[in-house]
């Protein structure tokens, strides 16, 4: 998700926290899915991104454990 989509989602969640209207939150999430959830685009992004390998996982694990 891009910065704009995350902002929209946060806004919808803040409204949900204030009002407690689950239907409004679900409607906002569905709208985001319709606007930005293009399955063909998502498949293209997944193909363009190389898979995470063992070395990358070790680095992430090390950073998490070491705090750096």
PDB file of N, CA and C in Angstrom:
ATOM      1  N   UNK A   1       0.830  -1.182   0.000  1.00  0.00           N
ATOM      2  CA  UNK A   1       0.000   0.000   0.000  1.00  0.00           C
ATOM      3  C   UNK A   1       0.875   1.246   0.000  1.00  0.00           C
ATOM      4  N   UNK A   2       0.412   2.226  -0.705  1.00  0.00           N
ATOM      5  CA  UNK A   2       1.136   3.479  -0.749  1.00  0.00           C
ATOM      6  C   UNK A   2       0.771   4.390   0.413  1.00  0.00           C
ATOM      7  N   UNK A   3       1.457   5.506   0.484  1.00  0.00           N
ATOM      8  CA  UNK A   3       1.249   6.460   1.579  1.00  0.00           C
ATOM      9  C   UNK A   3      -0.192   6.967   1.608  1.00  0.00           C
ATOM     10  N   UNK A   4      -0.763   7.248   0.443  1.00  0.00           N
ATOM     11  CA  UNK A   4      -2.137   7.745   0.376  1.00  0.00           C
ATOM     12  C   UNK A   4      -3.152   6.737   0.894  1.00  0.00           C
ATOM     13  N   UNK A   5      -2.973   5.478   0.491  1.00  0.00           N
ATOM     14  CA  UNK A   5      -3.893   4.437   0.935  1.00  0.00           C
ATOM     15  C   UNK A   5      -3.792   4.215   2.441  1.00  0.00           C
ATOM     16  N   UNK A   6      -2.584   4.245   2.960  1.00  0.00           N
ATOM     17  CA  UNK A   6      -2.385   4.054   4.398  1.00  0.00           C
ATOM     18  C   UNK A   6      -3.030   5.211   5.164  1.00  0.00           C
ATOM     19  N   UNK A   7      -2.904   6.420   4.647  1.00  0.00           N
ATOM     20  CA  UNK A   7      -3.539   7.572   5.279  1.00  0.00           C
ATOM     21  C   UNK A   7      -5.054   7.444   5.310  1.00  0.00           C
ATOM     22  N   UNK A   8      -5.624   6.987   4.196  1.00  0.00           N
ATOM     23  CA  UNK A   8      -7.071   6.779   4.139  1.00  0.00           C
ATOM     24  C   UNK A   8      -7.507   5.715   5.136  1.00  0.00           C
ATOM     25  N   UNK A   9      -6.741   4.652   5.217  1.00  0.00           N
ATOM     26  CA  UNK A   9      -7.074   3.576   6.141  1.00  0.00           C
ATOM     27  C   UNK A   9      -6.976   4.056   7.593  1.00  0.00           C
ATOM     28  N   UNK A  10      -5.957   4.817   7.902  1.00  0.00           N
ATOM     29  CA  UNK A  10      -5.818   5.359   9.259  1.00  0.00           C
ATOM     30  C   UNK A  10      -6.974   6.289   9.606  1.00  0.00           C
ATOM     31  N   UNK A  11      -7.354   7.132   8.650  1.00  0.00           N
ATOM     32  CA  UNK A  11      -8.466   8.047   8.873  1.00  0.00           C
ATOM     33  C   UNK A  11      -9.748   7.269   9.167  1.00  0.00           C
ATOM     34  N   UNK A  12     -10.003   6.239   8.358  1.00  0.00           N
ATOM     35  CA  UNK A  12     -11.198   5.418   8.566  1.00  0.00           C
ATOM     36  C   UNK A  12     -11.150   4.714   9.918  1.00  0.00           C
ATOM     37  N   UNK A  13      -9.978   4.256  10.324  1.00  0.00           N
ATOM     38  CA  UNK A  13      -9.860   3.569  11.612  1.00  0.00           C
ATOM     39  C   UNK A  13     -10.057   4.536  12.775  1.00  0.00           C
ATOM     40  N   UNK A  14      -9.532   5.765  12.649  1.00  0.00           N
ATOM     41  CA  UNK A  14      -9.739   6.765  13.708  1.00  0.00           C
ATOM     42  C   UNK A  14     -11.229   7.078  13.870  1.00  0.00           C
ATOM     43  N   UNK A  15     -11.923   7.203  12.734  1.00  0.00           N
ATOM     44  CA  UNK A  15     -13.364   7.442  12.795  1.00  0.00           C
ATOM     45  C   UNK A  15     -14.069   6.263  13.459  1.00  0.00           C
ATOM     46  N   UNK A  16     -13.617   5.059  13.151  1.00  0.00           N
ATOM     47  CA  UNK A  16     -14.205   3.879  13.776  1.00  0.00           C
ATOM     48  C   UNK A  16     -13.983   3.899  15.286  1.00  0.00           C
ATOM     49  N   UNK A  17     -12.794   4.292  15.717  1.00  0.00           N
ATOM     50  CA  UNK A  17     -12.501   4.347  17.149  1.00  0.00           C
ATOM     51  C   UNK A  17     -13.395   5.358  17.858  1.00  0.00           C
ATOM     52  N   UNK A  18     -13.693   6.467  17.197  1.00  0.00           N
ATOM     53  CA  UNK A  18     -14.541   7.495  17.805  1.00  0.00           C
ATOM     54  C   UNK A  18     -16.009   7.100  17.807  1.00  0.00           C
ATOM     55  N   UNK A  19     -16.477   6.578  16.672  1.00  0.00           N
ATOM     56  CA  UNK A  19     -17.907   6.328  16.504  1.00  0.00           C
ATOM     57  C   UNK A  19     -18.306   4.877  16.743  1.00  0.00           C
ATOM     58  N   UNK A  20     -17.390   3.957  16.524  1.00  0.00           N
ATOM     59  CA  UNK A  20     -17.702   2.543  16.692  1.00  0.00           C
ATOM     60  C   UNK A  20     -18.569   1.982  15.576  1.00  0.00           C
ATOM     61  N   UNK A  21     -18.571   2.647  14.418  1.00  0.00           N
ATOM     62  CA  UNK A  21     -19.407   2.217  13.291  1.00  0.00           C
ATOM     63  C   UNK A  21     -18.621   1.250  12.404  1.00  0.00           C
ATOM     64  N   UNK A  22     -18.859  -0.035  12.620  1.00  0.00           N
ATOM     65  CA  UNK A  22     -18.144  -1.077  11.873  1.00  0.00           C
ATOM     66  C   UNK A  22     -18.496  -1.016  10.395  1.00  0.00           C
ATOM     67  N   UNK A  23     -19.751  -0.732  10.076  1.00  0.00           N
ATOM     68  CA  UNK A  23     -20.175  -0.680   8.674  1.00  0.00           C
ATOM     69  C   UNK A  23     -19.421   0.398   7.903  1.00  0.00           C
ATOM     70  N   UNK A  24     -19.203   1.555   8.529  1.00  0.00           N
ATOM     71  CA  UNK A  24     -18.455   2.631   7.867  1.00  0.00           C
ATOM     72  C   UNK A  24     -17.006   2.221   7.638  1.00  0.00           C
ATOM     73  N   UNK A  25     -16.408   1.531   8.613  1.00  0.00           N
ATOM     74  CA  UNK A  25     -15.029   1.066   8.459  1.00  0.00           C
ATOM     75  C   UNK A  25     -14.928   0.056   7.322  1.00  0.00           C
ATOM     76  N   UNK A  26     -15.849  -0.892   7.297  1.00  0.00           N
ATOM     77  CA  UNK A  26     -15.837  -1.891   6.227  1.00  0.00           C
ATOM     78  C   UNK A  26     -16.066  -1.254   4.860  1.00  0.00           C
ATOM     79  N   UNK A  27     -16.939  -0.262   4.791  1.00  0.00           N
ATOM     80  CA  UNK A  27     -17.181   0.432   3.523  1.00  0.00           C
ATOM     81  C   UNK A  27     -15.923   1.141   3.049  1.00  0.00           C
ATOM     82  N   UNK A  28     -15.203   1.766   3.971  1.00  0.00           N
ATOM     83  CA  UNK A  28     -13.958   2.458   3.609  1.00  0.00           C
ATOM     84  C   UNK A  28     -12.915   1.471   3.101  1.00  0.00           C
ATOM     85  N   UNK A  29     -12.805   0.320   3.753  1.00  0.00           N
ATOM     86  CA  UNK A  29     -11.837  -0.690   3.319  1.00  0.00           C
ATOM     87  C   UNK A  29     -12.229  -1.249   1.951  1.00  0.00           C
ATOM     88  N   UNK A  30     -13.513  -1.478   1.740  1.00  0.00           N
ATOM     89  CA  UNK A  30     -13.965  -1.957   0.433  1.00  0.00           C
ATOM     90  C   UNK A  30     -13.699  -0.938  -0.656  1.00  0.00           C
ATOM     91  N   UNK A  31     -13.903   0.351  -0.354  1.00  0.00           N
ATOM     92  CA  UNK A  31     -13.611   1.404  -1.331  1.00  0.00           C
ATOM     93  C   UNK A  31     -12.128   1.411  -1.694  1.00  0.00           C
ATOM     94  N   UNK A  32     -11.279   1.274  -0.689  1.00  0.00           N
ATOM     95  CA  UNK A  32      -9.839   1.209  -0.960  1.00  0.00           C
ATOM     96  C   UNK A  32      -9.510   0.010  -1.838  1.00  0.00           C
ATOM     97  N   UNK A  33     -10.145  -1.120  -1.554  1.00  0.00           N
ATOM     98  CA  UNK A  33      -9.913  -2.317  -2.364  1.00  0.00           C
ATOM     99  C   UNK A  33     -10.344  -2.129  -3.802  1.00  0.00           C
ATOM    100  N   UNK A  34     -11.481  -1.459  -3.996  1.00  0.00           N
ATOM    101  CA  UNK A  34     -11.959  -1.221  -5.368  1.00  0.00           C
ATOM    102  C   UNK A  34     -11.044  -0.263  -6.105  1.00  0.00           C
ATOM    103  N   UNK A  35     -10.571   0.758  -5.406  1.00  0.00           N
ATOM    104  CA  UNK A  35      -9.738   1.772  -6.059  1.00  0.00           C
ATOM    105  C   UNK A  35      -8.313   1.291  -6.318  1.00  0.00           C
ATOM    106  N   UNK A  36      -7.757   0.570  -5.353  1.00  0.00           N
ATOM    107  CA  UNK A  36      -6.339   0.250  -5.429  1.00  0.00           C
ATOM    108  C   UNK A  36      -6.039  -1.235  -5.483  1.00  0.00           C
ATOM    109  N   UNK A  37      -7.023  -2.074  -5.373  1.00  0.00           N
ATOM    110  CA  UNK A  37      -6.786  -3.507  -5.312  1.00  0.00           C
ATOM    111  C   UNK A  37      -6.951  -4.199  -6.649  1.00  0.00           C
ATOM    112  N   UNK A  38      -6.269  -3.717  -7.662  1.00  0.00           N
ATOM    113  CA  UNK A  38      -6.337  -4.317  -8.987  1.00  0.00           C
ATOM    114  C   UNK A  38      -5.550  -5.623  -8.992  1.00  0.00           C
ATOM    115  N   UNK A  39      -6.222  -6.769  -9.168  1.00  0.00           N
ATOM    116  CA  UNK A  39      -5.516  -8.057  -9.094  1.00  0.00           C
ATOM    117  C   UNK A  39      -4.407  -8.202 -10.132  1.00  0.00           C
ATOM    118  N   UNK A  40      -4.593  -7.672 -11.328  1.00  0.00           N
ATOM    119  CA  UNK A  40      -3.560  -7.782 -12.363  1.00  0.00           C
ATOM    120  C   UNK A  40      -2.327  -6.971 -11.970  1.00  0.00           C
ATOM    121  N   UNK A  41      -2.557  -5.791 -11.402  1.00  0.00           N
ATOM    122  CA  UNK A  41      -1.436  -4.963 -10.959  1.00  0.00           C
ATOM    123  C   UNK A  41      -0.685  -5.641  -9.829  1.00  0.00           C
ATOM    124  N   UNK A  42      -1.415  -6.202  -8.885  1.00  0.00           N
ATOM    125  CA  UNK A  42      -0.774  -6.875  -7.760  1.00  0.00           C
ATOM    126  C   UNK A  42       0.061  -8.061  -8.232  1.00  0.00           C
ATOM    127  N   UNK A  43      -0.438  -8.800  -9.214  1.00  0.00           N
ATOM    128  CA  UNK A  43       0.315  -9.932  -9.747  1.00  0.00           C
ATOM    129  C   UNK A  43       1.597  -9.445 -10.422  1.00  0.00           C
ATOM    130  N   UNK A  44       1.507  -8.335 -11.139  1.00  0.00           N
ATOM    131  CA  UNK A  44       2.695  -7.789 -11.805  1.00  0.00           C
ATOM    132  C   UNK A  44       3.728  -7.341 -10.776  1.00  0.00           C
ATOM    133  N   UNK A  45       3.282  -6.734  -9.696  1.00  0.00           N
ATOM    134  CA  UNK A  45       4.207  -6.298  -8.642  1.00  0.00           C
ATOM    135  C   UNK A  45       4.878  -7.502  -8.004  1.00  0.00           C
ATOM    136  N   UNK A  46       4.109  -8.548  -7.759  1.00  0.00           N
ATOM    137  CA  UNK A  46       4.688  -9.757  -7.154  1.00  0.00           C
ATOM    138  C   UNK A  46       5.740 -10.385  -8.073  1.00  0.00           C
ATOM    139  N   UNK A  47       5.483 -10.384  -9.377  1.00  0.00           N
ATOM    140  CA  UNK A  47       6.453 -10.957 -10.319  1.00  0.00           C
ATOM    141  C   UNK A  47       7.714 -10.102 -10.388  1.00  0.00           C
ATOM    142  N   UNK A  48       7.561  -8.780 -10.266  1.00  0.00           N
ATOM    143  CA  UNK A  48       8.706  -7.877 -10.375  1.00  0.00           C
ATOM    144  C   UNK A  48       9.587  -7.928  -9.129  1.00  0.00           C
ATOM    145  N   UNK A  49       9.018  -8.282  -8.007  1.00  0.00           N
ATOM    146  CA  UNK A  49       9.757  -8.334  -6.745  1.00  0.00           C
ATOM    147  C   UNK A  49      10.439  -9.697  -6.620  1.00  0.00           C
ATOM    148  N   UNK A  50      11.741  -9.729  -6.455  1.00  0.00           N
ATOM    149  CA  UNK A  50      12.400 -11.029  -6.294  1.00  0.00           C
ATOM    150  C   UNK A  50      11.997 -11.669  -4.965  1.00  0.00           C
ATOM    151  N   UNK A  51      11.945 -12.983  -4.925  1.00  0.00           N
ATOM    152  CA  UNK A  51      11.574 -13.643  -3.668  1.00  0.00           C
ATOM    153  C   UNK A  51      12.632 -13.406  -2.591  1.00  0.00           C
ATOM    154  N   UNK A  52      12.196 -13.426  -1.359  1.00  0.00           N
ATOM    155  CA  UNK A  52      13.115 -13.245  -0.234  1.00  0.00           C
ATOM    156  C   UNK A  52      13.882 -14.546  -0.035  1.00  0.00           C
ATOM    157  N   UNK A  53      15.175 -14.420   0.029  1.00  0.00           N
ATOM    158  CA  UNK A  53      16.011 -15.604   0.194  1.00  0.00           C
ATOM    159  C   UNK A  53      16.461 -15.800   1.627  1.00  0.00           C
ATOM    160  N   UNK A  54      17.183 -16.864   1.830  1.00  0.00           N
ATOM    161  CA  UNK A  54      17.656 -17.223   3.163  1.00  0.00           C
ATOM    162  C   UNK A  54      18.552 -16.140   3.768  1.00  0.00           C
ATOM    163  N   UNK A  55      19.414 -15.541   2.950  1.00  0.00           N
ATOM    164  CA  UNK A  55      20.333 -14.513   3.443  1.00  0.00           C
ATOM    165  C   UNK A  55      19.563 -13.292   3.941  1.00  0.00           C
ATOM    166  N   UNK A  56      18.536 -12.851   3.205  1.00  0.00           N
ATOM    167  CA  UNK A  56      17.748 -11.700   3.635  1.00  0.00           C
ATOM    168  C   UNK A  56      17.046 -11.987   4.958  1.00  0.00           C
ATOM    169  N   UNK A  57      16.538 -13.195   5.122  1.00  0.00           N
ATOM    170  CA  UNK A  57      15.868 -13.555   6.365  1.00  0.00           C
ATOM    171  C   UNK A  57      16.843 -13.553   7.542  1.00  0.00           C
ATOM    172  N   UNK A  58      18.060 -13.995   7.307  1.00  0.00           N
ATOM    173  CA  UNK A  58      19.074 -13.969   8.373  1.00  0.00           C
ATOM    174  C   UNK A  58      19.366 -12.531   8.793  1.00  0.00           C
ATOM    175  N   UNK A  59      19.477 -11.631   7.813  1.00  0.00           N
ATOM    176  CA  UNK A  59      19.754 -10.228   8.132  1.00  0.00           C
ATOM    177  C   UNK A  59      18.624  -9.601   8.927  1.00  0.00           C
ATOM    178  N   UNK A  60      17.396  -9.881   8.520  1.00  0.00           N
ATOM    179  CA  UNK A  60      16.236  -9.343   9.252  1.00  0.00           C
ATOM    180  C   UNK A  60      16.214  -9.909  10.662  1.00  0.00           C
ATOM    181  N   UNK A  61      16.436 -11.205  10.793  1.00  0.00           N
ATOM    182  CA  UNK A  61      16.465 -11.825  12.118  1.00  0.00           C
ATOM    183  C   UNK A  61      17.563 -11.254  12.985  1.00  0.00           C
ATOM    184  N   UNK A  62      18.737 -11.027  12.418  1.00  0.00           N
ATOM    185  CA  UNK A  62      19.837 -10.457  13.178  1.00  0.00           C
ATOM    186  C   UNK A  62      19.503  -9.046  13.654  1.00  0.00           C
ATOM    187  N   UNK A  63      18.939  -8.225  12.739  1.00  0.00           N
ATOM    188  CA  UNK A  63      18.565  -6.848  13.101  1.00  0.00           C
ATOM    189  C   UNK A  63      17.524  -6.850  14.219  1.00  0.00           C
ATOM    190  N   UNK A  64      16.588  -7.767  14.158  1.00  0.00           N
ATOM    191  CA  UNK A  64      15.543  -7.835  15.175  1.00  0.00           C
ATOM    192  C   UNK A  64      16.125  -8.215  16.535  1.00  0.00           C
ATOM    193  N   UNK A  65      16.983  -9.213  16.549  1.00  0.00           N
ATOM    194  CA  UNK A  65      17.564  -9.680  17.797  1.00  0.00           C
ATOM    195  C   UNK A  65      18.553  -8.668  18.361  1.00  0.00           C
ATOM    196  N   UNK A  66      19.351  -8.052  17.499  1.00  0.00           N
ATOM    197  CA  UNK A  66      20.385  -7.139  17.974  1.00  0.00           C
ATOM    198  C   UNK A  66      19.857  -5.742  18.263  1.00  0.00           C
ATOM    199  N   UNK A  67      18.634  -5.461  17.805  1.00  0.00           N
ATOM    200  CA  UNK A  67      18.063  -4.134  18.026  1.00  0.00           C
ATOM    201  C   UNK A  67      18.592  -3.092  17.071  1.00  0.00           C
ATOM    202  N   UNK A  68      19.227  -3.532  16.001  1.00  0.00           N
ATOM    203  CA  UNK A  68      19.810  -2.540  15.085  1.00  0.00           C
ATOM    204  C   UNK A  68      19.309  -2.678  13.746  1.00  0.00           C
TER     205      UNK A  68
END
